[in-house]
Amino acid sequence: DGDVVIGPLNIESEDAAPLPFLFDLENNPRRALDLSD
């Protein structure tokens, strides 16, 4: 039903260690959309 797919982005790691930060968002996926800019 479409040719392009997009999703939450511009989520900055800021001062957090990137990989643990990513794992935390995977456990709380709703937060990814909330942090998305």
PDB file of all heavy atoms in Angstrom:
ATOM      1  N   ASP A   1       0.828  -1.209   0.000  1.00  0.00           N
ATOM      2  CA  ASP A   1       0.000   0.000   0.000  1.00  0.00           C
ATOM      3  C   ASP A   1       0.865   1.263   0.000  1.00  0.00           C
ATOM      4  O   ASP A   1       0.389   2.346   0.314  1.00  0.00           O
ATOM      5  CB  ASP A   1      -0.931   0.007   1.224  1.00  0.00           C
ATOM      6  CG  ASP A   1      -0.180  -0.080   2.539  1.00  0.00           C
ATOM      7  OD1 ASP A   1       1.038  -0.371   2.508  1.00  0.00           O
ATOM      8  OD2 ASP A   1      -0.798   0.139   3.585  1.00  0.00           O
ATOM      9  N   GLY A   2       2.140   1.121  -0.353  1.00  0.00           N
ATOM     10  CA  GLY A   2       3.008   2.292  -0.420  1.00  0.00           C
ATOM     11  C   GLY A   2       4.397   1.907  -0.887  1.00  0.00           C
ATOM     12  O   GLY A   2       4.780   0.729  -0.864  1.00  0.00           O
ATOM     13  N   ASP A   3       5.151   2.898  -1.324  1.00  0.00           N
ATOM     14  CA  ASP A   3       6.500   2.659  -1.849  1.00  0.00           C
ATOM     15  C   ASP A   3       7.594   3.142  -0.913  1.00  0.00           C
ATOM     16  O   ASP A   3       8.767   2.827  -1.122  1.00  0.00           O
ATOM     17  CB  ASP A   3       6.659   3.356  -3.204  1.00  0.00           C
ATOM     18  CG  ASP A   3       5.766   2.760  -4.273  1.00  0.00           C
ATOM     19  OD1 ASP A   3       5.792   1.534  -4.435  1.00  0.00           O
ATOM     20  OD2 ASP A   3       5.028   3.522  -4.942  1.00  0.00           O
ATOM     21  N   VAL A   4       7.234   3.923   0.117  1.00  0.00           N
ATOM     22  CA  VAL A   4       8.219   4.484   1.043  1.00  0.00           C
ATOM     23  C   VAL A   4       7.785   4.178   2.469  1.00  0.00           C
ATOM     24  O   VAL A   4       6.605   4.285   2.803  1.00  0.00           O
ATOM     25  CB  VAL A   4       8.354   6.014   0.852  1.00  0.00           C
ATOM     26  CG1 VAL A   4       9.106   6.650   2.013  1.00  0.00           C
ATOM     27  CG2 VAL A   4       9.061   6.324  -0.467  1.00  0.00           C
ATOM     28  N   VAL A   5       8.735   3.789   3.312  1.00  0.00           N
ATOM     29  CA  VAL A   5       8.469   3.537   4.731  1.00  0.00           C
ATOM     30  C   VAL A   5       9.422   4.384   5.570  1.00  0.00           C
ATOM     31  O   VAL A   5      10.622   4.467   5.272  1.00  0.00           O
ATOM     32  CB  VAL A   5       8.633   2.047   5.085  1.00  0.00           C
ATOM     33  CG1 VAL A   5       8.499   1.829   6.591  1.00  0.00           C
ATOM     34  CG2 VAL A   5       7.589   1.209   4.342  1.00  0.00           C
ATOM     35  N   ILE A   6       8.893   5.020   6.599  1.00  0.00           N
ATOM     36  CA  ILE A   6       9.677   5.836   7.516  1.00  0.00           C
ATOM     37  C   ILE A   6       9.297   5.461   8.948  1.00  0.00           C
ATOM     38  O   ILE A   6       8.367   4.678   9.158  1.00  0.00           O
ATOM     39  CB  ILE A   6       9.440   7.344   7.278  1.00  0.00           C
ATOM     40  CG1 ILE A   6       7.941   7.666   7.393  1.00  0.00           C
ATOM     41  CG2 ILE A   6       9.968   7.761   5.921  1.00  0.00           C
ATOM     42  CD1 ILE A   6       7.605   9.133   7.191  1.00  0.00           C
ATOM     43  N   GLY A   7      10.003   6.021   9.927  1.00  0.00           N
ATOM     44  CA  GLY A   7       9.704   5.717  11.321  1.00  0.00           C
ATOM     45  C   GLY A   7      10.379   6.711  12.249  1.00  0.00           C
ATOM     46  O   GLY A   7      10.957   7.700  11.796  1.00  0.00           O
ATOM     47  N   PRO A   8      10.348   6.453  13.558  1.00  0.00           N
ATOM     48  CA  PRO A   8      10.947   7.368  14.532  1.00  0.00           C
ATOM     49  C   PRO A   8      12.438   7.597  14.251  1.00  0.00           C
ATOM     50  O   PRO A   8      13.172   6.665  13.939  1.00  0.00           O
ATOM     51  CB  PRO A   8      10.746   6.645  15.870  1.00  0.00           C
ATOM     52  CG  PRO A   8       9.553   5.759  15.635  1.00  0.00           C
ATOM     53  CD  PRO A   8       9.671   5.316  14.214  1.00  0.00           C
ATOM     54  N   LEU A   9      12.843   8.852  14.352  1.00  0.00           N
ATOM     55  CA  LEU A   9      14.226   9.199  14.048  1.00  0.00           C
ATOM     56  C   LEU A   9      14.652  10.423  14.851  1.00  0.00           C
ATOM     57  O   LEU A   9      13.888  10.953  15.646  1.00  0.00           O
ATOM     58  CB  LEU A   9      14.409   9.447  12.546  1.00  0.00           C
ATOM     59  CG  LEU A   9      13.417  10.371  11.839  1.00  0.00           C
ATOM     60  CD1 LEU A   9      13.759  11.828  12.020  1.00  0.00           C
ATOM     61  CD2 LEU A   9      13.328  10.044  10.365  1.00  0.00           C
ATOM     62  N   ASN A  10      15.899  10.849  14.612  1.00  0.00           N
ATOM     63  CA  ASN A  10      16.472  11.994  15.338  1.00  0.00           C
ATOM     64  C   ASN A  10      16.409  11.783  16.853  1.00  0.00           C
ATOM     65  O   ASN A  10      16.187  12.721  17.617  1.00  0.00           O
ATOM     66  CB  ASN A  10      15.773  13.301  14.955  1.00  0.00           C
ATOM     67  CG  ASN A  10      16.136  13.744  13.547  1.00  0.00           C
ATOM     68  OD1 ASN A  10      17.144  13.310  12.986  1.00  0.00           O
ATOM     69  ND2 ASN A  10      15.312  14.596  12.961  1.00  0.00           N
ATOM     70  N   ILE A  11      16.590  10.540  17.277  1.00  0.00           N
ATOM     71  CA  ILE A  11      16.684  10.222  18.701  1.00  0.00           C
ATOM     72  C   ILE A  11      18.164  10.326  19.072  1.00  0.00           C
ATOM     73  O   ILE A  11      18.977   9.504  18.629  1.00  0.00           O
ATOM     74  CB  ILE A  11      16.150   8.812  18.997  1.00  0.00           C
ATOM     75  CG1 ILE A  11      14.706   8.675  18.517  1.00  0.00           C
ATOM     76  CG2 ILE A  11      16.258   8.499  20.480  1.00  0.00           C
ATOM     77  CD1 ILE A  11      14.174   7.250  18.572  1.00  0.00           C
ATOM     78  N   GLU A  12      18.527  11.328  19.829  1.00  0.00           N
ATOM     79  CA  GLU A  12      19.930  11.581  20.146  1.00  0.00           C
ATOM     80  C   GLU A  12      20.376  10.752  21.352  1.00  0.00           C
ATOM     81  O   GLU A  12      19.665  10.659  22.356  1.00  0.00           O
ATOM     82  CB  GLU A  12      20.146  13.061  20.424  1.00  0.00           C
ATOM     83  CG  GLU A  12      19.942  13.956  19.206  1.00  0.00           C
ATOM     84  CD  GLU A  12      21.020  13.764  18.146  1.00  0.00           C
ATOM     85  OE1 GLU A  12      22.133  13.308  18.502  1.00  0.00           O
ATOM     86  OE2 GLU A  12      20.748  14.061  16.964  1.00  0.00           O
ATOM     87  N   SER A  13      21.577  10.181  21.254  1.00  0.00           N
ATOM     88  CA  SER A  13      22.122   9.434  22.393  1.00  0.00           C
ATOM     89  C   SER A  13      22.585  10.381  23.500  1.00  0.00           C
ATOM     90  O   SER A  13      22.682   9.975  24.665  1.00  0.00           O
ATOM     91  CB  SER A  13      23.285   8.547  21.939  1.00  0.00           C
ATOM     92  OG  SER A  13      24.360   9.338  21.442  1.00  0.00           O
ATOM     93  N   GLU A  14      22.872  11.634  23.119  1.00  0.00           N
ATOM     94  CA  GLU A  14      23.338  12.654  24.084  1.00  0.00           C
ATOM     95  C   GLU A  14      24.549  12.119  24.851  1.00  0.00           C
ATOM     96  O   GLU A  14      25.497  11.664  24.248  1.00  0.00           O
ATOM     97  CB  GLU A  14      22.194  13.050  25.027  1.00  0.00           C
ATOM     98  CG  GLU A  14      20.980  13.641  24.310  1.00  0.00           C
ATOM     99  CD  GLU A  14      21.222  15.004  23.705  1.00  0.00           C
ATOM    100  OE1 GLU A  14      22.321  15.564  23.905  1.00  0.00           O
ATOM    101  OE2 GLU A  14      20.323  15.514  23.013  1.00  0.00           O
ATOM    102  N   ASP A  15      24.505  12.151  26.165  1.00  0.00           N
ATOM    103  CA  ASP A  15      25.649  11.711  26.974  1.00  0.00           C
ATOM    104  C   ASP A  15      25.590  10.225  27.332  1.00  0.00           C
ATOM    105  O   ASP A  15      26.506   9.702  27.990  1.00  0.00           O
ATOM    106  CB  ASP A  15      25.728  12.531  28.270  1.00  0.00           C
ATOM    107  CG  ASP A  15      25.984  14.011  27.998  1.00  0.00           C
ATOM    108  OD1 ASP A  15      26.682  14.312  27.012  1.00  0.00           O
ATOM    109  OD2 ASP A  15      25.463  14.854  28.749  1.00  0.00           O
ATOM    110  N   ALA A  16      24.536   9.539  26.916  1.00  0.00           N
ATOM    111  CA  ALA A  16      24.391   8.121  27.247  1.00  0.00           C
ATOM    112  C   ALA A  16      25.280   7.264  26.346  1.00  0.00           C
ATOM    113  O   ALA A  16      25.587   7.643  25.206  1.00  0.00           O
ATOM    114  CB  ALA A  16      22.937   7.692  27.103  1.00  0.00           C
ATOM    115  N   ALA A  17      25.702   6.122  26.863  1.00  0.00           N
ATOM    116  CA  ALA A  17      26.416   5.156  26.024  1.00  0.00           C
ATOM    117  C   ALA A  17      25.441   4.659  24.958  1.00  0.00           C
ATOM    118  O   ALA A  17      24.350   4.174  25.292  1.00  0.00           O
ATOM    119  CB  ALA A  17      26.932   4.000  26.869  1.00  0.00           C
ATOM    120  N   PRO A  18      25.788   4.800  23.665  1.00  0.00           N
ATOM    121  CA  PRO A  18      24.811   4.532  22.586  1.00  0.00           C
ATOM    122  C   PRO A  18      24.174   3.158  22.625  1.00  0.00           C
ATOM    123  O   PRO A  18      22.950   3.034  22.478  1.00  0.00           O
ATOM    124  CB  PRO A  18      25.649   4.721  21.315  1.00  0.00           C
ATOM    125  CG  PRO A  18      26.728   5.678  21.713  1.00  0.00           C
ATOM    126  CD  PRO A  18      27.065   5.309  23.124  1.00  0.00           C
ATOM    127  N   LEU A  19      24.967   2.087  22.823  1.00  0.00           N
ATOM    128  CA  LEU A  19      24.405   0.740  22.742  1.00  0.00           C
ATOM    129  C   LEU A  19      23.438   0.436  23.894  1.00  0.00           C
ATOM    130  O   LEU A  19      22.318  -0.042  23.645  1.00  0.00           O
ATOM    131  CB  LEU A  19      25.531  -0.295  22.691  1.00  0.00           C
ATOM    132  CG  LEU A  19      25.143  -1.681  22.165  1.00  0.00           C
ATOM    133  CD1 LEU A  19      24.529  -1.584  20.788  1.00  0.00           C
ATOM    134  CD2 LEU A  19      26.371  -2.588  22.135  1.00  0.00           C
ATOM    135  N   PRO A  20      23.795   0.704  25.159  1.00  0.00           N
ATOM    136  CA  PRO A  20      22.814   0.493  26.235  1.00  0.00           C
ATOM    137  C   PRO A  20      21.566   1.358  26.057  1.00  0.00           C
ATOM    138  O   PRO A  20      20.456   0.928  26.389  1.00  0.00           O
ATOM    139  CB  PRO A  20      23.589   0.888  27.503  1.00  0.00           C
ATOM    140  CG  PRO A  20      25.025   0.679  27.154  1.00  0.00           C
ATOM    141  CD  PRO A  20      25.130   1.053  25.703  1.00  0.00           C
ATOM    142  N   PHE A  21      21.753   2.552  25.518  1.00  0.00           N
ATOM    143  CA  PHE A  21      20.614   3.436  25.271  1.00  0.00           C
ATOM    144  C   PHE A  21      19.676   2.808  24.242  1.00  0.00           C
ATOM    145  O   PHE A  21      18.447   2.819  24.391  1.00  0.00           O
ATOM    146  CB  PHE A  21      21.121   4.797  24.801  1.00  0.00           C
ATOM    147  CG  PHE A  21      20.039   5.797  24.521  1.00  0.00           C
ATOM    148  CD1 PHE A  21      19.154   6.204  25.516  1.00  0.00           C
ATOM    149  CD2 PHE A  21      19.896   6.347  23.257  1.00  0.00           C
ATOM    150  CE1 PHE A  21      18.160   7.136  25.262  1.00  0.00           C
ATOM    151  CE2 PHE A  21      18.909   7.284  22.991  1.00  0.00           C
ATOM    152  CZ  PHE A  21      18.041   7.676  23.996  1.00  0.00           C
ATOM    153  N   LEU A  22      20.256   2.241  23.190  1.00  0.00           N
ATOM    154  CA  LEU A  22      19.464   1.561  22.165  1.00  0.00           C
ATOM    155  C   LEU A  22      18.727   0.370  22.766  1.00  0.00           C
ATOM    156  O   LEU A  22      17.534   0.162  22.505  1.00  0.00           O
ATOM    157  CB  LEU A  22      20.368   1.110  21.026  1.00  0.00           C
ATOM    158  CG  LEU A  22      19.704   0.293  19.909  1.00  0.00           C
ATOM    159  CD1 LEU A  22      18.674   1.131  19.160  1.00  0.00           C
ATOM    160  CD2 LEU A  22      20.749  -0.243  18.940  1.00  0.00           C
ATOM    161  N   PHE A  23      19.411  -0.436  23.592  1.00  0.00           N
ATOM    162  CA  PHE A  23      18.779  -1.600  24.216  1.00  0.00           C
ATOM    163  C   PHE A  23      17.615  -1.173  25.105  1.00  0.00           C
ATOM    164  O   PHE A  23      16.573  -1.839  25.147  1.00  0.00           O
ATOM    165  CB  PHE A  23      19.804  -2.382  25.047  1.00  0.00           C
ATOM    166  CG  PHE A  23      20.847  -3.074  24.233  1.00  0.00           C
ATOM    167  CD1 PHE A  23      22.058  -3.459  24.800  1.00  0.00           C
ATOM    168  CD2 PHE A  23      20.629  -3.352  22.891  1.00  0.00           C
ATOM    169  CE1 PHE A  23      23.023  -4.111  24.049  1.00  0.00           C
ATOM    170  CE2 PHE A  23      21.589  -3.998  22.123  1.00  0.00           C
ATOM    171  CZ  PHE A  23      22.786  -4.374  22.705  1.00  0.00           C
ATOM    172  N   ASP A  24      17.773  -0.054  25.805  1.00  0.00           N
ATOM    173  CA  ASP A  24      16.712   0.436  26.672  1.00  0.00           C
ATOM    174  C   ASP A  24      15.475   0.809  25.853  1.00  0.00           C
ATOM    175  O   ASP A  24      14.338   0.523  26.252  1.00  0.00           O
ATOM    176  CB  ASP A  24      17.202   1.641  27.473  1.00  0.00           C
ATOM    177  CG  ASP A  24      16.122   2.199  28.394  1.00  0.00           C
ATOM    178  OD1 ASP A  24      15.681   1.472  29.302  1.00  0.00           O
ATOM    179  OD2 ASP A  24      15.703   3.359  28.183  1.00  0.00           O
ATOM    180  N   LEU A  25      15.691   1.418  24.701  1.00  0.00           N
ATOM    181  CA  LEU A  25      14.553   1.783  23.847  1.00  0.00           C
ATOM    182  C   LEU A  25      13.885   0.551  23.249  1.00  0.00           C
ATOM    183  O   LEU A  25      12.668   0.529  23.048  1.00  0.00           O
ATOM    184  CB  LEU A  25      15.019   2.721  22.726  1.00  0.00           C
ATOM    185  CG  LEU A  25      15.439   4.126  23.154  1.00  0.00           C
ATOM    186  CD1 LEU A  25      15.893   4.932  21.937  1.00  0.00           C
ATOM    187  CD2 LEU A  25      14.289   4.846  23.847  1.00  0.00           C
ATOM    188  N   GLU A  26      14.666  -0.475  22.983  1.00  0.00           N
ATOM    189  CA  GLU A  26      14.076  -1.710  22.469  1.00  0.00           C
ATOM    190  C   GLU A  26      13.163  -2.341  23.513  1.00  0.00           C
ATOM    191  O   GLU A  26      12.156  -2.977  23.158  1.00  0.00           O
ATOM    192  CB  GLU A  26      15.174  -2.686  22.051  1.00  0.00           C
ATOM    193  CG  GLU A  26      15.905  -2.261  20.786  1.00  0.00           C
ATOM    194  CD  GLU A  26      16.950  -3.262  20.359  1.00  0.00           C
ATOM    195  OE1 GLU A  26      17.551  -3.910  21.235  1.00  0.00           O
ATOM    196  OE2 GLU A  26      17.173  -3.399  19.138  1.00  0.00           O
ATOM    197  N   ASN A  27      13.494  -2.166  24.770  1.00  0.00           N
ATOM    198  CA  ASN A  27      12.641  -2.680  25.843  1.00  0.00           C
ATOM    199  C   ASN A  27      11.459  -1.764  26.136  1.00  0.00           C
ATOM    200  O   ASN A  27      10.497  -2.192  26.789  1.00  0.00           O
ATOM    201  CB  ASN A  27      13.468  -2.870  27.118  1.00  0.00           C
ATOM    202  CG  ASN A  27      14.489  -3.984  26.996  1.00  0.00           C
ATOM    203  OD1 ASN A  27      14.249  -4.976  26.309  1.00  0.00           O
ATOM    204  ND2 ASN A  27      15.636  -3.812  27.637  1.00  0.00           N
ATOM    205  N   ASN A  28      11.539  -0.521  25.667  1.00  0.00           N
ATOM    206  CA  ASN A  28      10.460   0.454  25.861  1.00  0.00           C
ATOM    207  C   ASN A  28      10.186   1.159  24.534  1.00  0.00           C
ATOM    208  O   ASN A  28      10.465   2.356  24.369  1.00  0.00           O
ATOM    209  CB  ASN A  28      10.853   1.486  26.930  1.00  0.00           C
ATOM    210  CG  ASN A  28      11.178   0.857  28.261  1.00  0.00           C
ATOM    211  OD1 ASN A  28      10.289   0.570  29.053  1.00  0.00           O
ATOM    212  ND2 ASN A  28      12.471   0.641  28.520  1.00  0.00           N
ATOM    213  N   PRO A  29       9.672   0.431  23.537  1.00  0.00           N
ATOM    214  CA  PRO A  29       9.550   0.987  22.184  1.00  0.00           C
ATOM    215  C   PRO A  29       8.672   2.223  22.094  1.00  0.00           C
ATOM    216  O   PRO A  29       8.880   3.065  21.218  1.00  0.00           O
ATOM    217  CB  PRO A  29       8.959  -0.186  21.375  1.00  0.00           C
ATOM    218  CG  PRO A  29       8.346  -1.097  22.398  1.00  0.00           C
ATOM    219  CD  PRO A  29       9.180  -0.960  23.622  1.00  0.00           C
ATOM    220  N   ARG A  30       7.686   2.362  22.983  1.00  0.00           N
ATOM    221  CA  ARG A  30       6.840   3.557  22.945  1.00  0.00           C
ATOM    222  C   ARG A  30       7.670   4.816  23.192  1.00  0.00           C
ATOM    223  O   ARG A  30       7.386   5.878  22.653  1.00  0.00           O
ATOM    224  CB  ARG A  30       5.727   3.437  23.989  1.00  0.00           C
ATOM    225  CG  ARG A  30       4.815   4.648  24.084  1.00  0.00           C
ATOM    226  CD  ARG A  30       4.011   4.868  22.829  1.00  0.00           C
ATOM    227  NE  ARG A  30       3.328   6.144  22.829  1.00  0.00           N
ATOM    228  CZ  ARG A  30       2.568   6.594  21.843  1.00  0.00           C
ATOM    229  NH1 ARG A  30       2.386   5.828  20.776  1.00  0.00           N
ATOM    230  NH2 ARG A  30       1.986   7.762  21.899  1.00  0.00           N
ATOM    231  N   ARG A  31       8.716   4.668  24.013  1.00  0.00           N
ATOM    232  CA  ARG A  31       9.569   5.816  24.326  1.00  0.00           C
ATOM    233  C   ARG A  31      10.321   6.305  23.088  1.00  0.00           C
ATOM    234  O   ARG A  31      10.672   7.483  22.986  1.00  0.00           O
ATOM    235  CB  ARG A  31      10.553   5.419  25.426  1.00  0.00           C
ATOM    236  CG  ARG A  31      11.361   6.565  25.985  1.00  0.00           C
ATOM    237  CD  ARG A  31      12.015   6.187  27.302  1.00  0.00           C
ATOM    238  NE  ARG A  31      12.960   7.211  27.717  1.00  0.00           N
ATOM    239  CZ  ARG A  31      14.275   7.053  27.744  1.00  0.00           C
ATOM    240  NH1 ARG A  31      14.802   5.876  27.416  1.00  0.00           N
ATOM    241  NH2 ARG A  31      15.068   8.031  28.134  1.00  0.00           N
ATOM    242  N   ALA A  32      10.574   5.408  22.147  1.00  0.00           N
ATOM    243  CA  ALA A  32      11.277   5.800  20.921  1.00  0.00           C
ATOM    244  C   ALA A  32      10.484   6.861  20.166  1.00  0.00           C
ATOM    245  O   ALA A  32      11.050   7.847  19.686  1.00  0.00           O
ATOM    246  CB  ALA A  32      11.523   4.580  20.037  1.00  0.00           C
ATOM    247  N   LEU A  33       9.178   6.672  20.050  1.00  0.00           N
ATOM    248  CA  LEU A  33       8.358   7.666  19.361  1.00  0.00           C
ATOM    249  C   LEU A  33       8.300   8.955  20.163  1.00  0.00           C
ATOM    250  O   LEU A  33       8.333  10.055  19.597  1.00  0.00           O
ATOM    251  CB  LEU A  33       6.946   7.126  19.127  1.00  0.00           C
ATOM    252  CG  LEU A  33       5.990   8.052  18.361  1.00  0.00           C
ATOM    253  CD1 LEU A  33       6.552   8.388  16.982  1.00  0.00           C
ATOM    254  CD2 LEU A  33       4.612   7.408  18.231  1.00  0.00           C
ATOM    255  N   ASP A  34       8.253   8.845  21.482  1.00  0.00           N
ATOM    256  CA  ASP A  34       8.207  10.045  22.319  1.00  0.00           C
ATOM    257  C   ASP A  34       9.475  10.879  22.181  1.00  0.00           C
ATOM    258  O   ASP A  34       9.428  12.112  22.214  1.00  0.00           O
ATOM    259  CB  ASP A  34       7.991   9.661  23.786  1.00  0.00           C
ATOM    260  CG  ASP A  34       6.631   9.031  24.037  1.00  0.00           C
ATOM    261  OD1 ASP A  34       5.715   9.279  23.225  1.00  0.00           O
ATOM    262  OD2 ASP A  34       6.479   8.293  25.029  1.00  0.00           O
ATOM    263  N   LEU A  35      10.633  10.217  22.037  1.00  0.00           N
ATOM    264  CA  LEU A  35      11.909  10.924  21.925  1.00  0.00           C
ATOM    265  C   LEU A  35      12.217  11.356  20.504  1.00  0.00           C
ATOM    266  O   LEU A  35      13.110  12.168  20.280  1.00  0.00           O
ATOM    267  CB  LEU A  35      13.046  10.028  22.436  1.00  0.00           C
ATOM    268  CG  LEU A  35      13.046   9.692  23.928  1.00  0.00           C
ATOM    269  CD1 LEU A  35      14.187   8.729  24.248  1.00  0.00           C
ATOM    270  CD2 LEU A  35      13.184  10.962  24.760  1.00  0.00           C
ATOM    271  N   SER A  36      11.487  10.808  19.554  1.00  0.00           N
ATOM    272  CA  SER A  36      11.735  11.117  18.150  1.00  0.00           C
ATOM    273  C   SER A  36      11.478  12.593  17.864  1.00  0.00           C
ATOM    274  O   SER A  36      10.518  13.178  18.364  1.00  0.00           O
ATOM    275  CB  SER A  36      10.829  10.243  17.274  1.00  0.00           C
ATOM    276  OG  SER A  36      11.047  10.511  15.912  1.00  0.00           O
ATOM    277  N   ASP A  37      12.350  13.187  17.084  1.00  0.00           N
ATOM    278  CA  ASP A  37      12.217  14.602  16.714  1.00  0.00           C
ATOM    279  C   ASP A  37      11.923  14.682  15.220  1.00  0.00           C
ATOM    280  O   ASP A  37      12.819  14.857  14.392  1.00  0.00           O
ATOM    281  CB  ASP A  37      13.494  15.359  17.065  1.00  0.00           C
ATOM    282  CG  ASP A  37      13.372  16.863  16.811  1.00  0.00           C
ATOM    283  OD1 ASP A  37      12.227  17.340  16.664  1.00  0.00           O
ATOM    284  OD2 ASP A  37      14.418  17.536  16.747  1.00  0.00           O
TER     285      ASP A  37
END
